Protein backbone atom coordinates (compact mmCIF):
# COMPACT_ATOMS: atom_id res chain seq x y z
CA UNK A 1 0.00 0.00 0.00
CA UNK A 2 1.27 3.47 -0.84
CA UNK A 3 -0.49 4.95 2.18
CA UNK A 4 -0.31 3.56 5.71
CA UNK A 5 -3.91 2.56 6.53
CA UNK A 6 -3.73 3.26 10.25
CA UNK A 7 -2.18 6.68 9.78
CA UNK A 8 -4.79 7.59 7.15
CA UNK A 9 -7.73 6.30 9.17
CA UNK A 10 -6.67 8.13 12.33
CA UNK A 11 -6.17 11.36 10.36
CA UNK A 12 -9.39 11.24 8.33
CA UNK A 13 -11.90 9.90 10.84
CA UNK A 14 -13.28 10.80 14.22
CA UNK A 15 -14.49 8.59 17.05
CA UNK A 16 -18.27 8.66 16.72
CA UNK A 17 -21.31 6.65 17.83
CA UNK A 18 -23.61 5.56 15.00
CA UNK A 19 -26.98 7.26 15.70
CA UNK A 20 -28.96 4.02 15.77
CA UNK A 21 -26.36 2.11 17.81
CA UNK A 22 -25.04 4.60 20.39
CA UNK A 23 -23.52 1.81 22.48
CA UNK A 24 -20.80 1.32 19.87
CA UNK A 25 -17.89 3.68 19.14
CA UNK A 26 -16.33 3.65 15.67
CA UNK A 27 -13.75 5.56 13.69
CA UNK A 28 -15.98 7.09 11.01
CA UNK A 29 -15.57 9.80 8.39
CA UNK A 30 -16.52 13.12 9.93
CA UNK A 31 -16.82 14.78 6.52
CA UNK A 32 -18.60 12.03 4.61
CA UNK A 33 -19.07 14.06 1.47
CA UNK A 34 -15.39 14.90 1.06
CA UNK A 35 -14.03 11.42 1.76
CA UNK A 36 -16.66 9.45 -0.13
CA UNK A 37 -16.69 11.68 -3.20
CA UNK A 38 -12.97 11.70 -3.84
CA UNK A 39 -12.42 10.83 -7.49
CA UNK A 40 -11.21 7.40 -8.48
CA UNK A 41 -7.93 9.05 -9.48
CA UNK A 42 -7.51 10.58 -6.03
CA UNK A 43 -8.26 7.27 -4.35
CA UNK A 44 -5.85 5.44 -6.64
CA UNK A 45 -3.14 8.00 -5.93
CA UNK A 46 -3.22 7.23 -2.21
CA UNK A 47 -3.86 3.52 -2.76
CA UNK A 48 -7.31 3.63 -1.16
CA UNK A 49 -10.24 1.47 -2.31
CA UNK A 50 -13.72 3.01 -1.85
CA UNK A 51 -13.86 3.53 1.94
CA UNK A 52 -16.92 1.48 2.85
CA UNK A 53 -15.37 0.97 6.29
CA UNK A 54 -15.60 4.71 7.03
CA UNK A 55 -19.39 4.83 7.31
CA UNK A 56 -22.09 3.19 9.41
CA UNK A 57 -24.44 2.06 6.64
CA UNK A 58 -28.14 1.74 7.33
CA UNK A 59 -28.25 -2.05 6.88
CA UNK A 60 -25.43 -2.55 9.35
CA UNK A 61 -26.92 -0.15 11.89
CA UNK A 62 -30.30 -1.88 11.76
CA UNK A 63 -28.76 -5.34 12.06
CA UNK A 64 -26.46 -4.29 14.91
CA UNK A 65 -29.42 -2.73 16.74
CA UNK A 66 -31.42 -5.95 16.37
CA UNK A 67 -28.57 -8.11 17.65
CA UNK A 68 -28.04 -5.90 20.70
CA UNK A 69 -31.77 -5.86 21.45
CA UNK A 70 -32.09 -9.65 20.96
CA UNK A 71 -28.84 -11.07 22.37
CA UNK A 72 -30.27 -14.59 22.40
CA UNK A 73 -29.70 -14.69 18.64
CA UNK A 74 -25.93 -14.80 19.11
CA UNK A 75 -25.15 -15.39 22.80
CA UNK A 76 -22.75 -18.30 23.20
CA UNK A 77 -22.67 -18.89 19.45
CA UNK A 78 -20.04 -18.59 16.72
CA UNK A 79 -20.67 -15.81 14.21
CA UNK A 80 -19.49 -14.78 10.74
CA UNK A 81 -19.83 -11.05 10.07
CA UNK A 82 -19.72 -11.10 6.27
CA UNK A 83 -18.58 -8.00 4.35
CA UNK A 84 -17.84 -6.51 7.74
CA UNK A 85 -16.73 -3.01 6.72
CA UNK A 86 -16.18 -1.06 9.94
CA UNK A 87 -16.85 -4.14 12.05
CA UNK A 88 -20.02 -2.60 13.53
CA UNK A 89 -22.18 -5.73 13.29
CA UNK A 90 -19.46 -8.06 14.54
CA UNK A 91 -18.73 -5.74 17.47
CA UNK A 92 -22.44 -5.71 18.34
CA UNK A 93 -22.48 -9.52 18.24
CA UNK A 94 -19.57 -9.73 20.67
CA UNK A 95 -21.21 -7.17 22.95
CA UNK A 96 -24.35 -9.33 22.84
CA UNK A 97 -22.39 -12.39 24.02
CA UNK A 98 -21.26 -14.23 20.89
CA UNK A 99 -18.56 -16.73 21.83
CA UNK A 100 -16.46 -15.86 18.76
CA UNK A 101 -16.86 -13.60 15.74
CA UNK A 102 -15.01 -13.80 12.44
CA UNK A 103 -15.16 -10.46 10.61
CA UNK A 104 -14.61 -11.01 6.89
CA UNK A 105 -13.91 -8.30 4.34
CA UNK A 106 -11.70 -8.45 1.26
CA UNK A 107 -10.71 -4.77 1.62
CA UNK A 108 -7.42 -4.78 3.59
CA UNK A 109 -8.22 -1.29 4.89
CA UNK A 110 -11.25 -2.81 6.58
CA UNK A 111 -8.95 -5.06 8.60
CA UNK A 112 -7.17 -2.01 10.03
CA UNK A 113 -10.44 -0.20 10.71
CA UNK A 114 -11.84 -3.26 12.49
CA UNK A 115 -8.74 -3.56 14.66
CA UNK A 116 -9.01 0.10 15.69
CA UNK A 117 -12.76 -0.15 16.29
CA UNK A 118 -12.59 -3.29 18.41
CA UNK A 119 -10.04 -1.53 20.56
CA UNK A 120 -12.45 1.35 21.09
CA UNK A 121 -15.11 -1.05 22.35
CA UNK A 122 -13.01 -3.46 24.41
CA UNK A 123 -13.95 -6.52 22.39
CA UNK A 124 -11.98 -8.93 20.22
CA UNK A 125 -12.85 -10.16 16.74
CA UNK A 126 -10.97 -12.48 14.45
CA UNK A 127 -10.46 -11.00 10.99
CA UNK A 128 -9.90 -12.48 7.55
CA UNK A 129 -9.28 -10.70 4.28
CA UNK A 130 -10.02 -13.86 2.30
CA UNK A 131 -13.13 -14.09 0.17
CA UNK A 132 -15.51 -16.18 2.29
CA UNK A 133 -18.28 -16.25 -0.30
CA UNK A 134 -19.42 -19.85 -0.76
CA UNK A 135 -17.49 -21.21 2.21
CA UNK A 136 -18.89 -22.87 5.30
CA UNK A 137 -16.86 -22.58 8.49
CA UNK A 138 -19.56 -24.19 10.58
CA UNK A 139 -20.74 -20.88 12.02
CA UNK A 140 -23.90 -20.91 14.09
CA UNK A 141 -24.90 -17.45 12.87
CA UNK A 142 -24.09 -15.47 9.72
CA UNK A 143 -24.69 -11.70 9.80
CA UNK A 144 -24.67 -9.50 6.69
CA UNK A 145 -25.42 -5.79 6.65
CA UNK A 146 -26.30 -4.10 3.36
CA UNK A 147 -24.89 -6.64 0.89
CA UNK A 148 -27.56 -6.62 -1.84
CA UNK A 149 -26.48 -3.46 -3.67
CA UNK A 150 -25.11 -5.23 -6.78
CA UNK A 151 -26.90 -7.77 -8.97
CA UNK A 152 -23.94 -10.07 -9.60
CA UNK A 153 -22.95 -10.04 -5.93
CA UNK A 154 -26.54 -10.72 -4.87
CA UNK A 155 -26.82 -13.61 -7.33
CA UNK A 156 -23.74 -15.19 -5.76
CA UNK A 157 -24.84 -14.61 -2.18
CA UNK A 158 -28.37 -16.03 -2.44
CA UNK A 159 -27.50 -19.72 -3.04
CA UNK A 160 -24.73 -19.56 -0.43
CA UNK A 161 -26.98 -18.09 2.25
CA UNK A 162 -29.69 -20.56 1.27
CA UNK A 163 -27.30 -23.49 1.75
CA UNK A 164 -26.13 -22.17 5.12
CA UNK A 165 -29.72 -21.80 6.28
CA UNK A 166 -30.55 -25.31 5.01
CA UNK A 167 -27.86 -26.88 7.19
CA UNK A 168 -29.15 -25.00 10.25
CA UNK A 169 -27.27 -21.72 10.45
CA UNK A 170 -29.16 -18.58 11.41
CA UNK A 171 -28.58 -16.15 8.53
CA UNK A 172 -29.62 -12.56 9.29
CA UNK A 173 -29.53 -9.70 6.80
CA UNK A 174 -29.94 -5.97 7.39
CA UNK A 175 -31.20 -4.22 4.25
CA UNK A 176 -32.44 -0.65 3.64
CA UNK A 177 -34.43 -1.45 0.51
CA UNK A 178 -31.62 -2.20 -1.94
CA UNK A 179 -32.79 -3.17 -5.41
CA UNK A 180 -31.41 -6.72 -5.38
CA UNK A 181 -32.57 -7.79 -1.93
CA UNK A 182 -34.26 -11.22 -2.36
CA UNK A 183 -37.23 -10.55 -0.10
CA UNK A 184 -39.05 -13.65 -1.34
CA UNK A 185 -36.28 -15.80 0.19
CA UNK A 186 -36.51 -14.27 3.66
CA UNK A 187 -38.82 -13.55 6.56
CA UNK A 188 -38.91 -10.08 8.11
CA UNK A 189 -38.00 -9.89 11.80
CA UNK A 190 -38.03 -6.15 12.47
CA UNK A 191 -38.03 -2.74 10.78
CA UNK A 192 -36.13 0.35 11.91
CA UNK A 193 -35.92 3.97 10.86
CA UNK A 194 -32.16 4.53 10.66
CA UNK A 195 -30.56 7.99 10.40
CA UNK A 196 -27.99 8.12 7.58
CA UNK A 197 -25.77 10.62 5.80
CA UNK A 198 -27.50 12.34 2.90
CA UNK A 199 -24.17 12.56 1.08
CA UNK A 200 -24.26 8.76 0.76
CA UNK A 201 -27.97 8.01 0.50
CA UNK A 202 -31.05 9.58 -1.06
CA UNK A 203 -32.55 10.59 2.29
CA UNK A 204 -31.64 11.38 5.89
CA UNK A 205 -33.50 8.33 7.25
CA UNK A 206 -33.63 4.87 5.68
CA UNK A 207 -36.30 2.31 6.49
CA UNK A 208 -34.22 -0.75 7.25
CA UNK A 209 -35.49 -4.29 7.64
CA UNK A 210 -33.77 -7.15 9.42
CA UNK A 211 -34.51 -10.38 7.58
CA UNK A 212 -33.91 -14.04 8.35
CA UNK A 213 -32.87 -16.07 5.34
CA UNK A 214 -34.77 -19.25 4.61
CA UNK A 215 -33.46 -22.35 2.90
CA UNK A 216 -35.95 -22.36 0.04
CA UNK A 217 -37.96 -19.89 -1.99
CA UNK A 218 -41.29 -18.92 -0.52
C-alpha atoms as a PDB file:
ATOM      1  CA  UNK A   1       0.000   0.000   0.000  1.00  0.00           C
ATOM      2  CA  UNK A   2       1.273   3.470  -0.842  1.00  0.00           C
ATOM      3  CA  UNK A   3      -0.495   4.946   2.182  1.00  0.00           C
ATOM      4  CA  UNK A   4      -0.313   3.564   5.708  1.00  0.00           C
ATOM      5  CA  UNK A   5      -3.912   2.562   6.530  1.00  0.00           C
ATOM      6  CA  UNK A   6      -3.729   3.256  10.247  1.00  0.00           C
ATOM      7  CA  UNK A   7      -2.183   6.683   9.782  1.00  0.00           C
ATOM      8  CA  UNK A   8      -4.789   7.591   7.148  1.00  0.00           C
ATOM      9  CA  UNK A   9      -7.729   6.297   9.174  1.00  0.00           C
ATOM     10  CA  UNK A  10      -6.674   8.126  12.333  1.00  0.00           C
ATOM     11  CA  UNK A  11      -6.169  11.357  10.360  1.00  0.00           C
ATOM     12  CA  UNK A  12      -9.392  11.236   8.327  1.00  0.00           C
ATOM     13  CA  UNK A  13     -11.904   9.896  10.836  1.00  0.00           C
ATOM     14  CA  UNK A  14     -13.277  10.803  14.223  1.00  0.00           C
ATOM     15  CA  UNK A  15     -14.491   8.585  17.048  1.00  0.00           C
ATOM     16  CA  UNK A  16     -18.275   8.656  16.719  1.00  0.00           C
ATOM     17  CA  UNK A  17     -21.311   6.647  17.830  1.00  0.00           C
ATOM     18  CA  UNK A  18     -23.614   5.558  14.997  1.00  0.00           C
ATOM     19  CA  UNK A  19     -26.977   7.261  15.697  1.00  0.00           C
ATOM     20  CA  UNK A  20     -28.961   4.015  15.774  1.00  0.00           C
ATOM     21  CA  UNK A  21     -26.361   2.107  17.806  1.00  0.00           C
ATOM     22  CA  UNK A  22     -25.039   4.599  20.387  1.00  0.00           C
ATOM     23  CA  UNK A  23     -23.520   1.810  22.480  1.00  0.00           C
ATOM     24  CA  UNK A  24     -20.796   1.316  19.865  1.00  0.00           C
ATOM     25  CA  UNK A  25     -17.893   3.675  19.141  1.00  0.00           C
ATOM     26  CA  UNK A  26     -16.327   3.653  15.675  1.00  0.00           C
ATOM     27  CA  UNK A  27     -13.754   5.558  13.687  1.00  0.00           C
ATOM     28  CA  UNK A  28     -15.976   7.092  11.006  1.00  0.00           C
ATOM     29  CA  UNK A  29     -15.569   9.802   8.391  1.00  0.00           C
ATOM     30  CA  UNK A  30     -16.525  13.122   9.930  1.00  0.00           C
ATOM     31  CA  UNK A  31     -16.818  14.782   6.518  1.00  0.00           C
ATOM     32  CA  UNK A  32     -18.600  12.026   4.612  1.00  0.00           C
ATOM     33  CA  UNK A  33     -19.068  14.058   1.468  1.00  0.00           C
ATOM     34  CA  UNK A  34     -15.393  14.904   1.063  1.00  0.00           C
ATOM     35  CA  UNK A  35     -14.034  11.423   1.755  1.00  0.00           C
ATOM     36  CA  UNK A  36     -16.659   9.450  -0.130  1.00  0.00           C
ATOM     37  CA  UNK A  37     -16.693  11.675  -3.198  1.00  0.00           C
ATOM     38  CA  UNK A  38     -12.969  11.698  -3.835  1.00  0.00           C
ATOM     39  CA  UNK A  39     -12.420  10.833  -7.492  1.00  0.00           C
ATOM     40  CA  UNK A  40     -11.205   7.402  -8.483  1.00  0.00           C
ATOM     41  CA  UNK A  41      -7.933   9.046  -9.485  1.00  0.00           C
ATOM     42  CA  UNK A  42      -7.506  10.577  -6.028  1.00  0.00           C
ATOM     43  CA  UNK A  43      -8.256   7.270  -4.354  1.00  0.00           C
ATOM     44  CA  UNK A  44      -5.854   5.439  -6.639  1.00  0.00           C
ATOM     45  CA  UNK A  45      -3.139   7.997  -5.932  1.00  0.00           C
ATOM     46  CA  UNK A  46      -3.220   7.232  -2.211  1.00  0.00           C
ATOM     47  CA  UNK A  47      -3.861   3.517  -2.757  1.00  0.00           C
ATOM     48  CA  UNK A  48      -7.306   3.632  -1.160  1.00  0.00           C
ATOM     49  CA  UNK A  49     -10.245   1.470  -2.308  1.00  0.00           C
ATOM     50  CA  UNK A  50     -13.722   3.014  -1.852  1.00  0.00           C
ATOM     51  CA  UNK A  51     -13.860   3.533   1.941  1.00  0.00           C
ATOM     52  CA  UNK A  52     -16.922   1.482   2.845  1.00  0.00           C
ATOM     53  CA  UNK A  53     -15.373   0.966   6.286  1.00  0.00           C
ATOM     54  CA  UNK A  54     -15.604   4.712   7.025  1.00  0.00           C
ATOM     55  CA  UNK A  55     -19.392   4.831   7.306  1.00  0.00           C
ATOM     56  CA  UNK A  56     -22.092   3.190   9.415  1.00  0.00           C
ATOM     57  CA  UNK A  57     -24.438   2.055   6.637  1.00  0.00           C
ATOM     58  CA  UNK A  58     -28.135   1.736   7.332  1.00  0.00           C
ATOM     59  CA  UNK A  59     -28.248  -2.047   6.881  1.00  0.00           C
ATOM     60  CA  UNK A  60     -25.432  -2.547   9.354  1.00  0.00           C
ATOM     61  CA  UNK A  61     -26.920  -0.152  11.887  1.00  0.00           C
ATOM     62  CA  UNK A  62     -30.298  -1.885  11.758  1.00  0.00           C
ATOM     63  CA  UNK A  63     -28.757  -5.338  12.058  1.00  0.00           C
ATOM     64  CA  UNK A  64     -26.457  -4.286  14.908  1.00  0.00           C
ATOM     65  CA  UNK A  65     -29.422  -2.733  16.740  1.00  0.00           C
ATOM     66  CA  UNK A  66     -31.417  -5.946  16.368  1.00  0.00           C
ATOM     67  CA  UNK A  67     -28.572  -8.109  17.650  1.00  0.00           C
ATOM     68  CA  UNK A  68     -28.042  -5.899  20.699  1.00  0.00           C
ATOM     69  CA  UNK A  69     -31.769  -5.863  21.452  1.00  0.00           C
ATOM     70  CA  UNK A  70     -32.089  -9.648  20.964  1.00  0.00           C
ATOM     71  CA  UNK A  71     -28.836 -11.074  22.373  1.00  0.00           C
ATOM     72  CA  UNK A  72     -30.269 -14.590  22.403  1.00  0.00           C
ATOM     73  CA  UNK A  73     -29.703 -14.688  18.639  1.00  0.00           C
ATOM     74  CA  UNK A  74     -25.930 -14.796  19.112  1.00  0.00           C
ATOM     75  CA  UNK A  75     -25.146 -15.386  22.796  1.00  0.00           C
ATOM     76  CA  UNK A  76     -22.747 -18.301  23.199  1.00  0.00           C
ATOM     77  CA  UNK A  77     -22.665 -18.891  19.448  1.00  0.00           C
ATOM     78  CA  UNK A  78     -20.036 -18.585  16.725  1.00  0.00           C
ATOM     79  CA  UNK A  79     -20.668 -15.810  14.207  1.00  0.00           C
ATOM     80  CA  UNK A  80     -19.489 -14.785  10.745  1.00  0.00           C
ATOM     81  CA  UNK A  81     -19.825 -11.049  10.073  1.00  0.00           C
ATOM     82  CA  UNK A  82     -19.725 -11.103   6.271  1.00  0.00           C
ATOM     83  CA  UNK A  83     -18.580  -7.998   4.354  1.00  0.00           C
ATOM     84  CA  UNK A  84     -17.842  -6.508   7.739  1.00  0.00           C
ATOM     85  CA  UNK A  85     -16.731  -3.007   6.722  1.00  0.00           C
ATOM     86  CA  UNK A  86     -16.176  -1.059   9.937  1.00  0.00           C
ATOM     87  CA  UNK A  87     -16.854  -4.141  12.054  1.00  0.00           C
ATOM     88  CA  UNK A  88     -20.021  -2.602  13.525  1.00  0.00           C
ATOM     89  CA  UNK A  89     -22.177  -5.732  13.287  1.00  0.00           C
ATOM     90  CA  UNK A  90     -19.459  -8.059  14.538  1.00  0.00           C
ATOM     91  CA  UNK A  91     -18.733  -5.743  17.467  1.00  0.00           C
ATOM     92  CA  UNK A  92     -22.436  -5.707  18.340  1.00  0.00           C
ATOM     93  CA  UNK A  93     -22.477  -9.515  18.235  1.00  0.00           C
ATOM     94  CA  UNK A  94     -19.565  -9.734  20.666  1.00  0.00           C
ATOM     95  CA  UNK A  95     -21.212  -7.168  22.948  1.00  0.00           C
ATOM     96  CA  UNK A  96     -24.348  -9.329  22.843  1.00  0.00           C
ATOM     97  CA  UNK A  97     -22.395 -12.388  24.017  1.00  0.00           C
ATOM     98  CA  UNK A  98     -21.262 -14.226  20.891  1.00  0.00           C
ATOM     99  CA  UNK A  99     -18.560 -16.735  21.830  1.00  0.00           C
ATOM    100  CA  UNK A 100     -16.458 -15.862  18.765  1.00  0.00           C
ATOM    101  CA  UNK A 101     -16.861 -13.603  15.740  1.00  0.00           C
ATOM    102  CA  UNK A 102     -15.015 -13.799  12.441  1.00  0.00           C
ATOM    103  CA  UNK A 103     -15.165 -10.459  10.613  1.00  0.00           C
ATOM    104  CA  UNK A 104     -14.609 -11.014   6.891  1.00  0.00           C
ATOM    105  CA  UNK A 105     -13.914  -8.301   4.343  1.00  0.00           C
ATOM    106  CA  UNK A 106     -11.705  -8.445   1.260  1.00  0.00           C
ATOM    107  CA  UNK A 107     -10.706  -4.773   1.624  1.00  0.00           C
ATOM    108  CA  UNK A 108      -7.420  -4.778   3.590  1.00  0.00           C
ATOM    109  CA  UNK A 109      -8.216  -1.292   4.888  1.00  0.00           C
ATOM    110  CA  UNK A 110     -11.250  -2.806   6.577  1.00  0.00           C
ATOM    111  CA  UNK A 111      -8.952  -5.057   8.602  1.00  0.00           C
ATOM    112  CA  UNK A 112      -7.167  -2.008  10.026  1.00  0.00           C
ATOM    113  CA  UNK A 113     -10.443  -0.203  10.710  1.00  0.00           C
ATOM    114  CA  UNK A 114     -11.837  -3.256  12.492  1.00  0.00           C
ATOM    115  CA  UNK A 115      -8.736  -3.556  14.663  1.00  0.00           C
ATOM    116  CA  UNK A 116      -9.006   0.099  15.693  1.00  0.00           C
ATOM    117  CA  UNK A 117     -12.756  -0.153  16.286  1.00  0.00           C
ATOM    118  CA  UNK A 118     -12.595  -3.291  18.408  1.00  0.00           C
ATOM    119  CA  UNK A 119     -10.040  -1.531  20.561  1.00  0.00           C
ATOM    120  CA  UNK A 120     -12.454   1.353  21.088  1.00  0.00           C
ATOM    121  CA  UNK A 121     -15.108  -1.052  22.352  1.00  0.00           C
ATOM    122  CA  UNK A 122     -13.013  -3.456  24.411  1.00  0.00           C
ATOM    123  CA  UNK A 123     -13.951  -6.524  22.390  1.00  0.00           C
ATOM    124  CA  UNK A 124     -11.982  -8.926  20.218  1.00  0.00           C
ATOM    125  CA  UNK A 125     -12.855 -10.161  16.740  1.00  0.00           C
ATOM    126  CA  UNK A 126     -10.970 -12.480  14.446  1.00  0.00           C
ATOM    127  CA  UNK A 127     -10.461 -10.999  10.987  1.00  0.00           C
ATOM    128  CA  UNK A 128      -9.898 -12.478   7.549  1.00  0.00           C
ATOM    129  CA  UNK A 129      -9.281 -10.703   4.278  1.00  0.00           C
ATOM    130  CA  UNK A 130     -10.022 -13.863   2.304  1.00  0.00           C
ATOM    131  CA  UNK A 131     -13.131 -14.094   0.173  1.00  0.00           C
ATOM    132  CA  UNK A 132     -15.508 -16.182   2.286  1.00  0.00           C
ATOM    133  CA  UNK A 133     -18.279 -16.245  -0.301  1.00  0.00           C
ATOM    134  CA  UNK A 134     -19.424 -19.847  -0.762  1.00  0.00           C
ATOM    135  CA  UNK A 135     -17.495 -21.209   2.212  1.00  0.00           C
ATOM    136  CA  UNK A 136     -18.890 -22.867   5.303  1.00  0.00           C
ATOM    137  CA  UNK A 137     -16.858 -22.579   8.487  1.00  0.00           C
ATOM    138  CA  UNK A 138     -19.560 -24.192  10.583  1.00  0.00           C
ATOM    139  CA  UNK A 139     -20.741 -20.879  12.019  1.00  0.00           C
ATOM    140  CA  UNK A 140     -23.900 -20.906  14.093  1.00  0.00           C
ATOM    141  CA  UNK A 141     -24.901 -17.452  12.865  1.00  0.00           C
ATOM    142  CA  UNK A 142     -24.087 -15.467   9.724  1.00  0.00           C
ATOM    143  CA  UNK A 143     -24.689 -11.704   9.799  1.00  0.00           C
ATOM    144  CA  UNK A 144     -24.669  -9.497   6.687  1.00  0.00           C
ATOM    145  CA  UNK A 145     -25.415  -5.790   6.646  1.00  0.00           C
ATOM    146  CA  UNK A 146     -26.299  -4.101   3.365  1.00  0.00           C
ATOM    147  CA  UNK A 147     -24.895  -6.639   0.893  1.00  0.00           C
ATOM    148  CA  UNK A 148     -27.559  -6.621  -1.844  1.00  0.00           C
ATOM    149  CA  UNK A 149     -26.477  -3.462  -3.669  1.00  0.00           C
ATOM    150  CA  UNK A 150     -25.112  -5.225  -6.776  1.00  0.00           C
ATOM    151  CA  UNK A 151     -26.904  -7.768  -8.973  1.00  0.00           C
ATOM    152  CA  UNK A 152     -23.944 -10.074  -9.595  1.00  0.00           C
ATOM    153  CA  UNK A 153     -22.948 -10.043  -5.934  1.00  0.00           C
ATOM    154  CA  UNK A 154     -26.541 -10.723  -4.868  1.00  0.00           C
ATOM    155  CA  UNK A 155     -26.820 -13.611  -7.329  1.00  0.00           C
ATOM    156  CA  UNK A 156     -23.737 -15.187  -5.764  1.00  0.00           C
ATOM    157  CA  UNK A 157     -24.837 -14.612  -2.177  1.00  0.00           C
ATOM    158  CA  UNK A 158     -28.372 -16.033  -2.441  1.00  0.00           C
ATOM    159  CA  UNK A 159     -27.497 -19.724  -3.045  1.00  0.00           C
ATOM    160  CA  UNK A 160     -24.729 -19.556  -0.428  1.00  0.00           C
ATOM    161  CA  UNK A 161     -26.983 -18.088   2.247  1.00  0.00           C
ATOM    162  CA  UNK A 162     -29.687 -20.562   1.274  1.00  0.00           C
ATOM    163  CA  UNK A 163     -27.301 -23.493   1.746  1.00  0.00           C
ATOM    164  CA  UNK A 164     -26.131 -22.169   5.117  1.00  0.00           C
ATOM    165  CA  UNK A 165     -29.718 -21.798   6.277  1.00  0.00           C
ATOM    166  CA  UNK A 166     -30.548 -25.315   5.011  1.00  0.00           C
ATOM    167  CA  UNK A 167     -27.862 -26.877   7.195  1.00  0.00           C
ATOM    168  CA  UNK A 168     -29.153 -25.001  10.251  1.00  0.00           C
ATOM    169  CA  UNK A 169     -27.270 -21.718  10.449  1.00  0.00           C
ATOM    170  CA  UNK A 170     -29.159 -18.577  11.407  1.00  0.00           C
ATOM    171  CA  UNK A 171     -28.583 -16.147   8.533  1.00  0.00           C
ATOM    172  CA  UNK A 172     -29.615 -12.556   9.287  1.00  0.00           C
ATOM    173  CA  UNK A 173     -29.532  -9.695   6.797  1.00  0.00           C
ATOM    174  CA  UNK A 174     -29.938  -5.966   7.390  1.00  0.00           C
ATOM    175  CA  UNK A 175     -31.197  -4.218   4.255  1.00  0.00           C
ATOM    176  CA  UNK A 176     -32.440  -0.646   3.637  1.00  0.00           C
ATOM    177  CA  UNK A 177     -34.431  -1.453   0.512  1.00  0.00           C
ATOM    178  CA  UNK A 178     -31.620  -2.198  -1.942  1.00  0.00           C
ATOM    179  CA  UNK A 179     -32.792  -3.172  -5.411  1.00  0.00           C
ATOM    180  CA  UNK A 180     -31.410  -6.715  -5.384  1.00  0.00           C
ATOM    181  CA  UNK A 181     -32.573  -7.794  -1.928  1.00  0.00           C
ATOM    182  CA  UNK A 182     -34.265 -11.221  -2.355  1.00  0.00           C
ATOM    183  CA  UNK A 183     -37.234 -10.554  -0.103  1.00  0.00           C
ATOM    184  CA  UNK A 184     -39.048 -13.651  -1.336  1.00  0.00           C
ATOM    185  CA  UNK A 185     -36.284 -15.797   0.189  1.00  0.00           C
ATOM    186  CA  UNK A 186     -36.511 -14.270   3.665  1.00  0.00           C
ATOM    187  CA  UNK A 187     -38.823 -13.546   6.560  1.00  0.00           C
ATOM    188  CA  UNK A 188     -38.913 -10.077   8.108  1.00  0.00           C
ATOM    189  CA  UNK A 189     -38.001  -9.890  11.800  1.00  0.00           C
ATOM    190  CA  UNK A 190     -38.028  -6.146  12.470  1.00  0.00           C
ATOM    191  CA  UNK A 191     -38.033  -2.743  10.783  1.00  0.00           C
ATOM    192  CA  UNK A 192     -36.132   0.347  11.913  1.00  0.00           C
ATOM    193  CA  UNK A 193     -35.916   3.973  10.864  1.00  0.00           C
ATOM    194  CA  UNK A 194     -32.165   4.532  10.660  1.00  0.00           C
ATOM    195  CA  UNK A 195     -30.556   7.993  10.399  1.00  0.00           C
ATOM    196  CA  UNK A 196     -27.987   8.117   7.585  1.00  0.00           C
ATOM    197  CA  UNK A 197     -25.768  10.620   5.800  1.00  0.00           C
ATOM    198  CA  UNK A 198     -27.503  12.340   2.903  1.00  0.00           C
ATOM    199  CA  UNK A 199     -24.170  12.560   1.083  1.00  0.00           C
ATOM    200  CA  UNK A 200     -24.261   8.760   0.756  1.00  0.00           C
ATOM    201  CA  UNK A 201     -27.967   8.012   0.500  1.00  0.00           C
ATOM    202  CA  UNK A 202     -31.047   9.582  -1.061  1.00  0.00           C
ATOM    203  CA  UNK A 203     -32.552  10.591   2.288  1.00  0.00           C
ATOM    204  CA  UNK A 204     -31.643  11.376   5.893  1.00  0.00           C
ATOM    205  CA  UNK A 205     -33.505   8.327   7.248  1.00  0.00           C
ATOM    206  CA  UNK A 206     -33.627   4.866   5.683  1.00  0.00           C
ATOM    207  CA  UNK A 207     -36.305   2.312   6.489  1.00  0.00           C
ATOM    208  CA  UNK A 208     -34.215  -0.751   7.246  1.00  0.00           C
ATOM    209  CA  UNK A 209     -35.490  -4.293   7.643  1.00  0.00           C
ATOM    210  CA  UNK A 210     -33.770  -7.149   9.416  1.00  0.00           C
ATOM    211  CA  UNK A 211     -34.507 -10.383   7.577  1.00  0.00           C
ATOM    212  CA  UNK A 212     -33.906 -14.035   8.352  1.00  0.00           C
ATOM    213  CA  UNK A 213     -32.868 -16.073   5.339  1.00  0.00           C
ATOM    214  CA  UNK A 214     -34.770 -19.254   4.613  1.00  0.00           C
ATOM    215  CA  UNK A 215     -33.462 -22.350   2.900  1.00  0.00           C
ATOM    216  CA  UNK A 216     -35.951 -22.358   0.044  1.00  0.00           C
ATOM    217  CA  UNK A 217     -37.964 -19.886  -1.986  1.00  0.00           C
ATOM    218  CA  UNK A 218     -41.292 -18.918  -0.518  1.00  0.00           C
END
